[in-house]
């Protein structure tokens, strides 16, 4: 029992800030505290049964994702999944960069992580839950496709397709709402075209 308590305390200390950040990105900062508390209650209850079949990080983020998605489902707003439902059925789509066509998603990943992150994250917040979750896990949290598959309980092919579709949708929304240019340091920057964002789900 003492070992479990020590292990939980170590996990809580290491992962709580990360899980708070992750849940804030998924559901908003106002509800993140409640979800994080629920996440660590679930971790505490299930820690004795963790067998190491996946990495500890994958296991923890799976619990956090489920808790956050449960909260989203409980909200009055419902996501329109019509555009996402085909993701699990399709295969063979390469995970190419929606901006450049390159194999590795370099441009939009750097966009999300650089100066324009606030603007782009605002746009990500308006994407459907399925798209937002994979983008956050991939481009903001830095998980590999294999790790995301473990967190979300999906096949690797499904993860690749969903990330590709999410980045394509993100690119479309960025082009609709932002004007891109090179600043004086030759770094990519953007200006908002319109003061408010309205998305068709």
Foldseek 3Di string as FASTA:
>chain_A
DVVLVVVLVVCCVPCLVVLLVLLCLQANNVCSVVLSVVLSVVCSVCVVVDDPPDPPVLVSLLSSVVSSVVVVVPDPDDFDCPVPPCLQVDFDDQLAALVPRHNDPPPVLVCCVDDCVVVLSVVLNPDGSLLSNLCCVPRVVPDDLVSVCSSNVGDSRSSSSSPSVSNNVSVVQCVVFWDWDQDPVRDIDIDGPDPDDDDDD
